[in-house]
Amino acid sequence: MKKFIAVTLPVFIALPAMAQATIWSLLNIFQSILNTLVPVLIALATVFVIWKAIQFARAEGDEKAEHQQGMISAIIALFVLVSVWGLVAVLNSTFGINQGTGPSNINNFQCYSPATQTYVPC
């Protein structure tokens, strides 16, 4: 519980400052974290596959099946990581999302105003 408080307390202290930030700036921060984290995870998964392959080659008997299962799991994890990363890139280019700016047509977004019964810029 003390660790949870130690981790979350700085976040709650920073909330007033974060309230002034727009949703796009928060998404940009999240995107930059993911842009750094995904290649690191892919590198770790690749190292794990190689490590399990070496252990599989050295193993004998019952250990061989255990290391084979670990290697298969690591290959599946690596495939999922790369596939999701590629899918996100395809979706970004399909829907015209520029990195760091949000949707390219965000300035033309309009909301319905019941008072005037027309669409106005948001």
PDB file of N, CA and C in Angstrom:
ATOM      1  N   MET A   1       0.822  -1.195   0.000  1.00  0.00           N
ATOM      2  CA  MET A   1       0.000   0.000   0.000  1.00  0.00           C
ATOM      3  C   MET A   1       0.872   1.267   0.000  1.00  0.00           C
ATOM      4  N   LYS A   2       1.975   1.206   0.737  1.00  0.00           N
ATOM      5  CA  LYS A   2       2.866   2.362   0.785  1.00  0.00           C
ATOM      6  C   LYS A   2       3.480   2.636  -0.590  1.00  0.00           C
ATOM      7  N   LYS A   3       3.782   1.555  -1.327  1.00  0.00           N
ATOM      8  CA  LYS A   3       4.345   1.735  -2.662  1.00  0.00           C
ATOM      9  C   LYS A   3       3.316   2.364  -3.589  1.00  0.00           C
ATOM     10  N   PHE A   4       2.064   1.943  -3.459  1.00  0.00           N
ATOM     11  CA  PHE A   4       1.001   2.509  -4.285  1.00  0.00           C
ATOM     12  C   PHE A   4       0.856   3.999  -4.024  1.00  0.00           C
ATOM     13  N   ILE A   5       0.888   4.395  -2.775  1.00  0.00           N
ATOM     14  CA  ILE A   5       0.778   5.818  -2.425  1.00  0.00           C
ATOM     15  C   ILE A   5       1.996   6.577  -2.939  1.00  0.00           C
ATOM     16  N   ALA A   6       3.173   5.980  -2.810  1.00  0.00           N
ATOM     17  CA  ALA A   6       4.390   6.644  -3.264  1.00  0.00           C
ATOM     18  C   ALA A   6       4.390   6.842  -4.775  1.00  0.00           C
ATOM     19  N   VAL A   7       3.752   5.933  -5.503  1.00  0.00           N
ATOM     20  CA  VAL A   7       3.715   6.050  -6.950  1.00  0.00           C
ATOM     21  C   VAL A   7       2.617   7.009  -7.401  1.00  0.00           C
ATOM     22  N   THR A   8       1.456   6.959  -6.765  1.00  0.00           N
ATOM     23  CA  THR A   8       0.326   7.771  -7.219  1.00  0.00           C
ATOM     24  C   THR A   8       0.321   9.191  -6.664  1.00  0.00           C
ATOM     25  N   LEU A   9       0.964   9.435  -5.556  1.00  0.00           N
ATOM     26  CA  LEU A   9       0.955  10.777  -4.967  1.00  0.00           C
ATOM     27  C   LEU A   9       1.521  11.836  -5.910  1.00  0.00           C
ATOM     28  N   PRO A  10       2.660  11.609  -6.563  1.00  0.00           N
ATOM     29  CA  PRO A  10       3.159  12.627  -7.502  1.00  0.00           C
ATOM     30  C   PRO A  10       2.188  12.909  -8.649  1.00  0.00           C
ATOM     31  N   VAL A  11       1.452  11.899  -9.062  1.00  0.00           N
ATOM     32  CA  VAL A  11       0.487  12.104 -10.138  1.00  0.00           C
ATOM     33  C   VAL A  11      -0.616  13.048  -9.677  1.00  0.00           C
ATOM     34  N   PHE A  12      -1.139  12.834  -8.477  1.00  0.00           N
ATOM     35  CA  PHE A  12      -2.208  13.693  -7.975  1.00  0.00           C
ATOM     36  C   PHE A  12      -1.723  15.102  -7.664  1.00  0.00           C
ATOM     37  N   ILE A  13      -0.472  15.239  -7.303  1.00  0.00           N
ATOM     38  CA  ILE A  13       0.078  16.573  -7.074  1.00  0.00           C
ATOM     39  C   ILE A  13       0.185  17.323  -8.401  1.00  0.00           C
ATOM     40  N   ALA A  14       0.504  16.607  -9.476  1.00  0.00           N
ATOM     41  CA  ALA A  14       0.674  17.230 -10.783  1.00  0.00           C
ATOM     42  C   ALA A  14      -0.643  17.436 -11.525  1.00  0.00           C
ATOM     43  N   LEU A  15      -1.759  16.945 -10.999  1.00  0.00           N
ATOM     44  CA  LEU A  15      -3.033  17.060 -11.709  1.00  0.00           C
ATOM     45  C   LEU A  15      -3.455  18.496 -12.009  1.00  0.00           C
ATOM     46  N   PRO A  16      -3.299  19.450 -11.103  1.00  0.00           N
ATOM     47  CA  PRO A  16      -3.680  20.822 -11.472  1.00  0.00           C
ATOM     48  C   PRO A  16      -2.901  21.354 -12.676  1.00  0.00           C
ATOM     49  N   ALA A  17      -1.639  21.019 -12.770  1.00  0.00           N
ATOM     50  CA  ALA A  17      -0.854  21.460 -13.922  1.00  0.00           C
ATOM     51  C   ALA A  17      -1.291  20.728 -15.176  1.00  0.00           C
ATOM     52  N   MET A  18      -1.649  19.464 -15.023  1.00  0.00           N
ATOM     53  CA  MET A  18      -2.079  18.685 -16.171  1.00  0.00           C
ATOM     54  C   MET A  18      -3.454  19.110 -16.658  1.00  0.00           C
ATOM     55  N   ALA A  19      -4.254  19.715 -15.795  1.00  0.00           N
ATOM     56  CA  ALA A  19      -5.593  20.140 -16.188  1.00  0.00           C
ATOM     57  C   ALA A  19      -5.529  21.230 -17.251  1.00  0.00           C
ATOM     58  N   GLN A  20      -4.441  21.966 -17.294  1.00  0.00           N
ATOM     59  CA  GLN A  20      -4.300  23.023 -18.276  1.00  0.00           C
ATOM     60  C   GLN A  20      -3.861  22.473 -19.629  1.00  0.00           C
ATOM     61  N   ALA A  21      -3.389  21.238 -19.654  1.00  0.00           N
ATOM     62  CA  ALA A  21      -2.930  20.641 -20.902  1.00  0.00           C
ATOM     63  C   ALA A  21      -4.132  20.177 -21.715  1.00  0.00           C
ATOM     64  N   THR A  22      -3.994  20.219 -23.017  1.00  0.00           N
ATOM     65  CA  THR A  22      -5.069  19.738 -23.876  1.00  0.00           C
ATOM     66  C   THR A  22      -4.959  18.231 -24.010  1.00  0.00           C
ATOM     67  N   ILE A  23      -6.013  17.618 -24.497  1.00  0.00           N
ATOM     68  CA  ILE A  23      -6.008  16.172 -24.687  1.00  0.00           C
ATOM     69  C   ILE A  23      -4.949  15.771 -25.703  1.00  0.00           C
ATOM     70  N   TRP A  24      -4.700  16.625 -26.692  1.00  0.00           N
ATOM     71  CA  TRP A  24      -3.708  16.289 -27.715  1.00  0.00           C
ATOM     72  C   TRP A  24      -2.302  16.302 -27.153  1.00  0.00           C
ATOM     73  N   SER A  25      -2.019  17.204 -26.225  1.00  0.00           N
ATOM     74  CA  SER A  25      -0.680  17.213 -25.634  1.00  0.00           C
ATOM     75  C   SER A  25      -0.473  15.977 -24.760  1.00  0.00           C
ATOM     76  N   LEU A  26      -1.536  15.536 -24.077  1.00  0.00           N
ATOM     77  CA  LEU A  26      -1.422  14.317 -23.281  1.00  0.00           C
ATOM     78  C   LEU A  26      -1.261  13.097 -24.179  1.00  0.00           C
ATOM     79  N   LEU A  27      -1.976  13.082 -25.294  1.00  0.00           N
ATOM     80  CA  LEU A  27      -1.822  11.976 -26.241  1.00  0.00           C
ATOM     81  C   LEU A  27      -0.436  11.983 -26.875  1.00  0.00           C
ATOM     82  N   ASN A  28       0.122  13.172 -27.098  1.00  0.00           N
ATOM     83  CA  ASN A  28       1.483  13.259 -27.643  1.00  0.00           C
ATOM     84  C   ASN A  28       2.496  12.684 -26.665  1.00  0.00           C
ATOM     85  N   ILE A  29       2.293  12.949 -25.379  1.00  0.00           N
ATOM     86  CA  ILE A  29       3.188  12.394 -24.354  1.00  0.00           C
ATOM     87  C   ILE A  29       3.068  10.870 -24.351  1.00  0.00           C
ATOM     88  N   PHE A  30       1.833  10.380 -24.380  1.00  0.00           N
ATOM     89  CA  PHE A  30       1.597   8.935 -24.399  1.00  0.00           C
ATOM     90  C   PHE A  30       2.216   8.300 -25.643  1.00  0.00           C
ATOM     91  N   GLN A  31       2.083   8.970 -26.775  1.00  0.00           N
ATOM     92  CA  GLN A  31       2.640   8.448 -28.026  1.00  0.00           C
ATOM     93  C   GLN A  31       4.164   8.413 -27.964  1.00  0.00           C
ATOM     94  N   SER A  32       4.771   9.424 -27.397  1.00  0.00           N
ATOM     95  CA  SER A  32       6.239   9.426 -27.316  1.00  0.00           C
ATOM     96  C   SER A  32       6.740   8.320 -26.388  1.00  0.00           C
ATOM     97  N   ILE A  33       5.987   8.044 -25.326  1.00  0.00           N
ATOM     98  CA  ILE A  33       6.357   6.944 -24.441  1.00  0.00           C
ATOM     99  C   ILE A  33       6.260   5.614 -25.189  1.00  0.00           C
ATOM    100  N   LEU A  34       5.165   5.434 -25.922  1.00  0.00           N
ATOM    101  CA  LEU A  34       4.995   4.195 -26.684  1.00  0.00           C
ATOM    102  C   LEU A  34       6.028   4.063 -27.793  1.00  0.00           C
ATOM    103  N   ASN A  35       6.366   5.179 -28.445  1.00  0.00           N
ATOM    104  CA  ASN A  35       7.374   5.135 -29.505  1.00  0.00           C
ATOM    105  C   ASN A  35       8.735   4.705 -28.966  1.00  0.00           C
ATOM    106  N   THR A  36       8.982   4.976 -27.709  1.00  0.00           N
ATOM    107  CA  THR A  36      10.225   4.545 -27.081  1.00  0.00           C
ATOM    108  C   THR A  36      10.107   3.119 -26.559  1.00  0.00           C
ATOM    109  N   LEU A  37       8.952   2.789 -26.016  1.00  0.00           N
ATOM    110  CA  LEU A  37       8.767   1.508 -25.354  1.00  0.00           C
ATOM    111  C   LEU A  37       8.656   0.330 -26.317  1.00  0.00           C
ATOM    112  N   VAL A  38       7.992   0.501 -27.444  1.00  0.00           N
ATOM    113  CA  VAL A  38       7.760  -0.617 -28.365  1.00  0.00           C
ATOM    114  C   VAL A  38       9.063  -1.186 -28.925  1.00  0.00           C
ATOM    115  N   PRO A  39       9.996  -0.380 -29.427  1.00  0.00           N
ATOM    116  CA  PRO A  39      11.258  -0.971 -29.900  1.00  0.00           C
ATOM    117  C   PRO A  39      12.044  -1.671 -28.782  1.00  0.00           C
ATOM    118  N   VAL A  40      11.965  -1.143 -27.569  1.00  0.00           N
ATOM    119  CA  VAL A  40      12.640  -1.797 -26.444  1.00  0.00           C
ATOM    120  C   VAL A  40      12.014  -3.164 -26.176  1.00  0.00           C
ATOM    121  N   LEU A  41      10.679  -3.234 -26.209  1.00  0.00           N
ATOM    122  CA  LEU A  41      10.007  -4.516 -25.995  1.00  0.00           C
ATOM    123  C   LEU A  41      10.329  -5.507 -27.107  1.00  0.00           C
ATOM    124  N   ILE A  42      10.405  -5.035 -28.331  1.00  0.00           N
ATOM    125  CA  ILE A  42      10.760  -5.913 -29.453  1.00  0.00           C
ATOM    126  C   ILE A  42      12.193  -6.429 -29.275  1.00  0.00           C
ATOM    127  N   ALA A  43      13.095  -5.578 -28.854  1.00  0.00           N
ATOM    128  CA  ALA A  43      14.480  -6.006 -28.627  1.00  0.00           C
ATOM    129  C   ALA A  43      14.552  -7.032 -27.492  1.00  0.00           C
ATOM    130  N   LEU A  44      13.804  -6.792 -26.409  1.00  0.00           N
ATOM    131  CA  LEU A  44      13.792  -7.749 -25.299  1.00  0.00           C
ATOM    132  C   LEU A  44      13.204  -9.088 -25.720  1.00  0.00           C
ATOM    133  N   ALA A  45      12.145  -9.063 -26.510  1.00  0.00           N
ATOM    134  CA  ALA A  45      11.545 -10.304 -26.989  1.00  0.00           C
ATOM    135  C   ALA A  45      12.508 -11.058 -27.898  1.00  0.00           C
ATOM    136  N   THR A  46      13.247 -10.343 -28.727  1.00  0.00           N
ATOM    137  CA  THR A  46      14.228 -10.980 -29.604  1.00  0.00           C
ATOM    138  C   THR A  46      15.349 -11.622 -28.786  1.00  0.00           C
ATOM    139  N   VAL A  47      15.829 -10.920 -27.779  1.00  0.00           N
ATOM    140  CA  VAL A  47      16.867 -11.472 -26.901  1.00  0.00           C
ATOM    141  C   VAL A  47      16.337 -12.711 -26.180  1.00  0.00           C
ATOM    142  N   PHE A  48      15.088 -12.676 -25.749  1.00  0.00           N
ATOM    143  CA  PHE A  48      14.495 -13.811 -25.052  1.00  0.00           C
ATOM    144  C   PHE A  48      14.378 -15.025 -25.981  1.00  0.00           C
ATOM    145  N   VAL A  49      14.012 -14.806 -27.241  1.00  0.00           N
ATOM    146  CA  VAL A  49      13.939 -15.909 -28.208  1.00  0.00           C
ATOM    147  C   VAL A  49      15.317 -16.534 -28.389  1.00  0.00           C
ATOM    148  N   ILE A  50      16.330 -15.706 -28.542  1.00  0.00           N
ATOM    149  CA  ILE A  50      17.690 -16.221 -28.722  1.00  0.00           C
ATOM    150  C   ILE A  50      18.150 -16.971 -27.471  1.00  0.00           C
ATOM    151  N   TRP A  51      17.856 -16.419 -26.291  1.00  0.00           N
ATOM    152  CA  TRP A  51      18.232 -17.049 -25.030  1.00  0.00           C
ATOM    153  C   TRP A  51      17.567 -18.420 -24.887  1.00  0.00           C
ATOM    154  N   LYS A  52      16.275 -18.493 -25.202  1.00  0.00           N
ATOM    155  CA  LYS A  52      15.559 -19.769 -25.118  1.00  0.00           C
ATOM    156  C   LYS A  52      16.069 -20.759 -26.165  1.00  0.00           C
ATOM    157  N   ALA A  53      16.464 -20.275 -27.341  1.00  0.00           N
ATOM    158  CA  ALA A  53      17.021 -21.162 -28.367  1.00  0.00           C
ATOM    159  C   ALA A  53      18.344 -21.762 -27.904  1.00  0.00           C
ATOM    160  N   ILE A  54      19.168 -20.958 -27.253  1.00  0.00           N
ATOM    161  CA  ILE A  54      20.437 -21.464 -26.724  1.00  0.00           C
ATOM    162  C   ILE A  54      20.180 -22.482 -25.624  1.00  0.00           C
ATOM    163  N   GLN A  55      19.228 -22.173 -24.724  1.00  0.00           N
ATOM    164  CA  GLN A  55      18.894 -23.122 -23.665  1.00  0.00           C
ATOM    165  C   GLN A  55      18.314 -24.410 -24.249  1.00  0.00           C
ATOM    166  N   PHE A  56      17.521 -24.285 -25.293  1.00  0.00           N
ATOM    167  CA  PHE A  56      16.937 -25.462 -25.938  1.00  0.00           C
ATOM    168  C   PHE A  56      18.027 -26.334 -26.551  1.00  0.00           C
ATOM    169  N   ALA A  57      19.021 -25.699 -27.161  1.00  0.00           N
ATOM    170  CA  ALA A  57      20.110 -26.454 -27.786  1.00  0.00           C
ATOM    171  C   ALA A  57      20.962 -27.171 -26.746  1.00  0.00           C
ATOM    172  N   ARG A  58      21.111 -26.606 -25.577  1.00  0.00           N
ATOM    173  CA  ARG A  58      21.930 -27.202 -24.512  1.00  0.00           C
ATOM    174  C   ARG A  58      21.172 -28.222 -23.664  1.00  0.00           C
ATOM    175  N   ALA A  59      19.841 -28.147 -23.680  1.00  0.00           N
ATOM    176  CA  ALA A  59      19.035 -28.980 -22.784  1.00  0.00           C
ATOM    177  C   ALA A  59      19.010 -30.435 -23.243  1.00  0.00           C
ATOM    178  N   GLU A  60      18.721 -31.283 -22.266  1.00  0.00           N
ATOM    179  CA  GLU A  60      18.571 -32.709 -22.545  1.00  0.00           C
ATOM    180  C   GLU A  60      17.327 -33.220 -21.837  1.00  0.00           C
ATOM    181  N   GLY A  61      16.652 -34.154 -22.459  1.00  0.00           N
ATOM    182  CA  GLY A  61      15.526 -34.831 -21.816  1.00  0.00           C
ATOM    183  C   GLY A  61      14.313 -33.941 -21.636  1.00  0.00           C
ATOM    184  N   ASP A  62      13.796 -33.930 -20.395  1.00  0.00           N
ATOM    185  CA  ASP A  62      12.560 -33.199 -20.093  1.00  0.00           C
ATOM    186  C   ASP A  62      12.728 -31.682 -20.166  1.00  0.00           C
ATOM    187  N   GLU A  63      13.928 -31.198 -19.927  1.00  0.00           N
ATOM    188  CA  GLU A  63      14.168 -29.753 -19.991  1.00  0.00           C
ATOM    189  C   GLU A  63      13.976 -29.217 -21.409  1.00  0.00           C
ATOM    190  N   LYS A  64      14.217 -30.059 -22.389  1.00  0.00           N
ATOM    191  CA  LYS A  64      14.110 -29.633 -23.792  1.00  0.00           C
ATOM    192  C   LYS A  64      12.694 -29.164 -24.113  1.00  0.00           C
ATOM    193  N   ALA A  65      11.684 -29.893 -23.627  1.00  0.00           N
ATOM    194  CA  ALA A  65      10.284 -29.516 -23.883  1.00  0.00           C
ATOM    195  C   ALA A  65       9.940 -28.191 -23.204  1.00  0.00           C
ATOM    196  N   GLU A  66      10.464 -27.989 -21.997  1.00  0.00           N
ATOM    197  CA  GLU A  66      10.202 -26.738 -21.274  1.00  0.00           C
ATOM    198  C   GLU A  66      10.786 -25.537 -22.019  1.00  0.00           C
ATOM    199  N   HIS A  67      12.010 -25.668 -22.482  1.00  0.00           N
ATOM    200  CA  HIS A  67      12.643 -24.570 -23.206  1.00  0.00           C
ATOM    201  C   HIS A  67      12.014 -24.360 -24.584  1.00  0.00           C
ATOM    202  N   GLN A  68      11.549 -25.450 -25.186  1.00  0.00           N
ATOM    203  CA  GLN A  68      10.867 -25.327 -26.475  1.00  0.00           C
ATOM    204  C   GLN A  68       9.578 -24.533 -26.310  1.00  0.00           C
ATOM    205  N   GLN A  69       8.825 -24.806 -25.238  1.00  0.00           N
ATOM    206  CA  GLN A  69       7.583 -24.072 -24.988  1.00  0.00           C
ATOM    207  C   GLN A  69       7.867 -22.591 -24.724  1.00  0.00           C
ATOM    208  N   GLY A  70       8.929 -22.294 -23.982  1.00  0.00           N
ATOM    209  CA  GLY A  70       9.314 -20.903 -23.738  1.00  0.00           C
ATOM    210  C   GLY A  70       9.698 -20.183 -25.013  1.00  0.00           C
ATOM    211  N   MET A  71      10.408 -20.891 -25.893  1.00  0.00           N
ATOM    212  CA  MET A  71      10.819 -20.303 -27.162  1.00  0.00           C
ATOM    213  C   MET A  71       9.599 -20.022 -28.051  1.00  0.00           C
ATOM    214  N   ILE A  72       8.652 -20.956 -28.083  1.00  0.00           N
ATOM    215  CA  ILE A  72       7.435 -20.757 -28.878  1.00  0.00           C
ATOM    216  C   ILE A  72       6.635 -19.580 -28.332  1.00  0.00           C
ATOM    217  N   SER A  73       6.528 -19.471 -27.015  1.00  0.00           N
ATOM    218  CA  SER A  73       5.805 -18.343 -26.407  1.00  0.00           C
ATOM    219  C   SER A  73       6.471 -17.008 -26.737  1.00  0.00           C
ATOM    220  N   ALA A  74       7.782 -16.992 -26.708  1.00  0.00           N
ATOM    221  CA  ALA A  74       8.500 -15.755 -27.027  1.00  0.00           C
ATOM    222  C   ALA A  74       8.335 -15.375 -28.492  1.00  0.00           C
ATOM    223  N   ILE A  75       8.317 -16.361 -29.389  1.00  0.00           N
ATOM    224  CA  ILE A  75       8.115 -16.074 -30.810  1.00  0.00           C
ATOM    225  C   ILE A  75       6.705 -15.530 -31.041  1.00  0.00           C
ATOM    226  N   ILE A  76       5.718 -16.104 -30.363  1.00  0.00           N
ATOM    227  CA  ILE A  76       4.339 -15.610 -30.489  1.00  0.00           C
ATOM    228  C   ILE A  76       4.238 -14.184 -29.960  1.00  0.00           C
ATOM    229  N   ALA A  77       4.872 -13.907 -28.816  1.00  0.00           N
ATOM    230  CA  ALA A  77       4.851 -12.548 -28.257  1.00  0.00           C
ATOM    231  C   ALA A  77       5.513 -11.553 -29.205  1.00  0.00           C
ATOM    232  N   LEU A  78       6.617 -11.947 -29.804  1.00  0.00           N
ATOM    233  CA  LEU A  78       7.303 -11.079 -30.758  1.00  0.00           C
ATOM    234  C   LEU A  78       6.428 -10.818 -31.981  1.00  0.00           C
ATOM    235  N   PHE A  79       5.760 -11.856 -32.475  1.00  0.00           N
ATOM    236  CA  PHE A  79       4.862 -11.709 -33.620  1.00  0.00           C
ATOM    237  C   PHE A  79       3.705 -10.761 -33.291  1.00  0.00           C
ATOM    238  N   VAL A  80       3.112 -10.909 -32.104  1.00  0.00           N
ATOM    239  CA  VAL A  80       1.991 -10.043 -31.711  1.00  0.00           C
ATOM    240  C   VAL A  80       2.458  -8.597 -31.586  1.00  0.00           C
ATOM    241  N   LEU A  81       3.618  -8.380 -30.975  1.00  0.00           N
ATOM    242  CA  LEU A  81       4.150  -7.015 -30.823  1.00  0.00           C
ATOM    243  C   LEU A  81       4.341  -6.338 -32.172  1.00  0.00           C
ATOM    244  N   VAL A  82       4.995  -7.031 -33.080  1.00  0.00           N
ATOM    245  CA  VAL A  82       5.272  -6.442 -34.390  1.00  0.00           C
ATOM    246  C   VAL A  82       3.975  -6.251 -35.178  1.00  0.00           C
ATOM    247  N   SER A  83       3.044  -7.199 -35.072  1.00  0.00           N
ATOM    248  CA  SER A  83       1.777  -7.090 -35.799  1.00  0.00           C
ATOM    249  C   SER A  83       0.945  -5.904 -35.315  1.00  0.00           C
ATOM    250  N   VAL A  84       0.841  -5.731 -34.024  1.00  0.00           N
ATOM    251  CA  VAL A  84       0.060  -4.606 -33.489  1.00  0.00           C
ATOM    252  C   VAL A  84       0.724  -3.293 -33.844  1.00  0.00           C
ATOM    253  N   TRP A  85       2.039  -3.238 -33.766  1.00  0.00           N
ATOM    254  CA  TRP A  85       2.752  -2.015 -34.123  1.00  0.00           C
ATOM    255  C   TRP A  85       2.517  -1.680 -35.593  1.00  0.00           C
ATOM    256  N   GLY A  86       2.555  -2.679 -36.458  1.00  0.00           N
ATOM    257  CA  GLY A  86       2.278  -2.458 -37.877  1.00  0.00           C
ATOM    258  C   GLY A  86       0.838  -2.056 -38.128  1.00  0.00           C
ATOM    259  N   LEU A  87      -0.102  -2.670 -37.398  1.00  0.00           N
ATOM    260  CA  LEU A  87      -1.515  -2.317 -37.548  1.00  0.00           C
ATOM    261  C   LEU A  87      -1.769  -0.867 -37.154  1.00  0.00           C
ATOM    262  N   VAL A  88      -1.138  -0.424 -36.093  1.00  0.00           N
ATOM    263  CA  VAL A  88      -1.288   0.971 -35.678  1.00  0.00           C
ATOM    264  C   VAL A  88      -0.724   1.905 -36.737  1.00  0.00           C
ATOM    265  N   ALA A  89       0.405   1.543 -37.334  1.00  0.00           N
ATOM    266  CA  ALA A  89       0.986   2.377 -38.395  1.00  0.00           C
ATOM    267  C   ALA A  89       0.062   2.440 -39.603  1.00  0.00           C
ATOM    268  N   VAL A  90      -0.552   1.317 -39.963  1.00  0.00           N
ATOM    269  CA  VAL A  90      -1.486   1.305 -41.096  1.00  0.00           C
ATOM    270  C   VAL A  90      -2.705   2.162 -40.794  1.00  0.00           C
ATOM    271  N   LEU A  91      -3.243   2.041 -39.586  1.00  0.00           N
ATOM    272  CA  LEU A  91      -4.409   2.852 -39.208  1.00  0.00           C
ATOM    273  C   LEU A  91      -4.074   4.344 -39.188  1.00  0.00           C
ATOM    274  N   ASN A  92      -2.880   4.675 -38.697  1.00  0.00           N
ATOM    275  CA  ASN A  92      -2.454   6.086 -38.693  1.00  0.00           C
ATOM    276  C   ASN A  92      -2.407   6.649 -40.103  1.00  0.00           C
ATOM    277  N   SER A  93      -1.841   5.904 -41.034  1.00  0.00           N
ATOM    278  CA  SER A  93      -1.742   6.417 -42.400  1.00  0.00           C
ATOM    279  C   SER A  93      -3.097   6.383 -43.113  1.00  0.00           C
ATOM    280  N   THR A  94      -3.948   5.412 -42.784  1.00  0.00           N
ATOM    281  CA  THR A  94      -5.259   5.319 -43.423  1.00  0.00           C
ATOM    282  C   THR A  94      -6.159   6.484 -43.035  1.00  0.00           C
ATOM    283  N   PHE A  95      -6.175   6.817 -41.749  1.00  0.00           N
ATOM    284  CA  PHE A  95      -7.069   7.860 -41.266  1.00  0.00           C
ATOM    285  C   PHE A  95      -6.422   9.230 -41.213  1.00  0.00           C
ATOM    286  N   GLY A  96      -5.230   9.367 -41.723  1.00  0.00           N
ATOM    287  CA  GLY A  96      -4.588  10.670 -41.828  1.00  0.00           C
ATOM    288  C   GLY A  96      -4.183  11.262 -40.505  1.00  0.00           C
ATOM    289  N   ILE A  97      -3.783  10.428 -39.580  1.00  0.00           N
ATOM    290  CA  ILE A  97      -3.345  10.929 -38.278  1.00  0.00           C
ATOM    291  C   ILE A  97      -1.865  11.242 -38.384  1.00  0.00           C
ATOM    292  N   ASN A  98      -1.533  12.510 -38.251  1.00  0.00           N
ATOM    293  CA  ASN A  98      -0.137  12.934 -38.290  1.00  0.00           C
ATOM    294  C   ASN A  98       0.457  12.733 -36.912  1.00  0.00           C
ATOM    295  N   GLN A  99       1.686  12.291 -36.853  1.00  0.00           N
ATOM    296  CA  GLN A  99       2.287  12.052 -35.557  1.00  0.00           C
ATOM    297  C   GLN A  99       2.410  13.344 -34.777  1.00  0.00           C
ATOM    298  N   GLY A 100       1.854  13.331 -33.580  1.00  0.00           N
ATOM    299  CA  GLY A 100       1.972  14.459 -32.678  1.00  0.00           C
ATOM    300  C   GLY A 100       0.934  15.549 -32.862  1.00  0.00           C
ATOM    301  N   THR A 101       0.055  15.439 -33.852  1.00  0.00           N
ATOM    302  CA  THR A 101      -0.920  16.508 -34.049  1.00  0.00           C
ATOM    303  C   THR A 101      -2.360  16.027 -33.958  1.00  0.00           C
ATOM    304  N   GLY A 102      -2.598  14.745 -33.881  1.00  0.00           N
ATOM    305  CA  GLY A 102      -3.962  14.228 -33.859  1.00  0.00           C
ATOM    306  C   GLY A 102      -4.510  14.163 -35.265  1.00  0.00           C
ATOM    307  N   PRO A 103      -5.801  13.971 -35.402  1.00  0.00           N
ATOM    308  CA  PRO A 103      -6.386  13.889 -36.745  1.00  0.00           C
ATOM    309  C   PRO A 103      -6.119  15.159 -37.542  1.00  0.00           C
ATOM    310  N   SER A 104      -5.873  14.991 -38.843  1.00  0.00           N
ATOM    311  CA  SER A 104      -5.500  16.133 -39.668  1.00  0.00           C
ATOM    312  C   SER A 104      -6.656  17.093 -39.892  1.00  0.00           C
ATOM    313  N   ASN A 105      -7.899  16.649 -39.707  1.00  0.00           N
ATOM    314  CA  ASN A 105      -9.035  17.537 -39.931  1.00  0.00           C
ATOM    315  C   ASN A 105      -9.627  18.048 -38.617  1.00  0.00           C
ATOM    316  N   ILE A 106      -8.841  18.109 -37.560  1.00  0.00           N
ATOM    317  CA  ILE A 106      -9.361  18.506 -36.251  1.00  0.00           C
ATOM    318  C   ILE A 106      -9.820  19.963 -36.262  1.00  0.00           C
ATOM    319  N   ASN A 107      -9.228  20.815 -37.084  1.00  0.00           N
ATOM    320  CA  ASN A 107      -9.629  22.220 -37.115  1.00  0.00           C
ATOM    321  C   ASN A 107     -10.978  22.400 -37.800  1.00  0.00           C
ATOM    322  N   ASN A 108     -11.398  21.437 -38.607  1.00  0.00           N
ATOM    323  CA  ASN A 108     -12.670  21.533 -39.301  1.00  0.00           C
ATOM    324  C   ASN A 108     -13.785  20.817 -38.561  1.00  0.00           C
ATOM    325  N   PHE A 109     -13.531  20.322 -37.368  1.00  0.00           N
ATOM    326  CA  PHE A 109     -14.515  19.576 -36.608  1.00  0.00           C
ATOM    327  C   PHE A 109     -15.635  20.518 -36.166  1.00  0.00           C
ATOM    328  N   GLN A 110     -16.883  20.085 -36.318  1.00  0.00           N
ATOM    329  CA  GLN A 110     -18.014  20.947 -35.968  1.00  0.00           C
ATOM    330  C   GLN A 110     -18.950  20.222 -35.012  1.00  0.00           C
ATOM    331  N   CYS A 111     -19.559  20.988 -34.132  1.00  0.00           N
ATOM    332  CA  CYS A 111     -20.503  20.456 -33.153  1.00  0.00           C
ATOM    333  C   CYS A 111     -21.876  21.068 -33.418  1.00  0.00           C
ATOM    334  N   TYR A 112     -22.891  20.300 -33.072  1.00  0.00           N
ATOM    335  CA  TYR A 112     -24.253  20.792 -33.262  1.00  0.00           C
ATOM    336  C   TYR A 112     -24.640  21.683 -32.089  1.00  0.00           C
ATOM    337  N   SER A 113     -25.157  22.873 -32.388  1.00  0.00           N
ATOM    338  CA  SER A 113     -25.599  23.813 -31.368  1.00  0.00           C
ATOM    339  C   SER A 113     -27.127  23.823 -31.339  1.00  0.00           C
ATOM    340  N   PRO A 114     -27.741  23.312 -30.262  1.00  0.00           N
ATOM    341  CA  PRO A 114     -29.205  23.317 -30.200  1.00  0.00           C
ATOM    342  C   PRO A 114     -29.792  24.726 -30.173  1.00  0.00           C
ATOM    343  N   ALA A 115     -29.051  25.693 -29.636  1.00  0.00           N
ATOM    344  CA  ALA A 115     -29.563  27.058 -29.543  1.00  0.00           C
ATOM    345  C   ALA A 115     -29.794  27.656 -30.931  1.00  0.00           C
ATOM    346  N   THR A 116     -28.828  27.464 -31.816  1.00  0.00           N
ATOM    347  CA  THR A 116     -28.949  28.041 -33.167  1.00  0.00           C
ATOM    348  C   THR A 116     -29.415  27.012 -34.185  1.00  0.00           C
ATOM    349  N   GLN A 117     -29.464  25.741 -33.778  1.00  0.00           N
ATOM    350  CA  GLN A 117     -29.849  24.626 -34.623  1.00  0.00           C
ATOM    351  C   GLN A 117     -28.985  24.544 -35.888  1.00  0.00           C
ATOM    352  N   THR A 118     -27.699  24.834 -35.693  1.00  0.00           N
ATOM    353  CA  THR A 118     -26.736  24.725 -36.794  1.00  0.00           C
ATOM    354  C   THR A 118     -25.464  24.088 -36.258  1.00  0.00           C
ATOM    355  N   TYR A 119     -24.567  23.762 -37.165  1.00  0.00           N
ATOM    356  CA  TYR A 119     -23.271  23.253 -36.784  1.00  0.00           C
ATOM    357  C   TYR A 119     -22.289  24.408 -36.686  1.00  0.00           C
ATOM    358  N   VAL A 120     -21.558  24.451 -35.575  1.00  0.00           N
ATOM    359  CA  VAL A 120     -20.584  25.519 -35.353  1.00  0.00           C
ATOM    360  C   VAL A 120     -19.231  24.872 -35.023  1.00  0.00           C
ATOM    361  N   PRO A 121     -18.129  25.600 -35.274  1.00  0.00           N
ATOM    362  CA  PRO A 121     -16.816  25.035 -34.895  1.00  0.00           C
ATOM    363  C   PRO A 121     -16.743  24.805 -33.381  1.00  0.00           C
ATOM    364  N   CYS A 122     -16.174  23.690 -33.010  1.00  0.00           N
ATOM    365  CA  CYS A 122     -16.063  23.354 -31.578  1.00  0.00           C
ATOM    366  C   CYS A 122     -14.928  24.106 -30.904  1.00  0.00           C
TER     367      CYS A 122
END
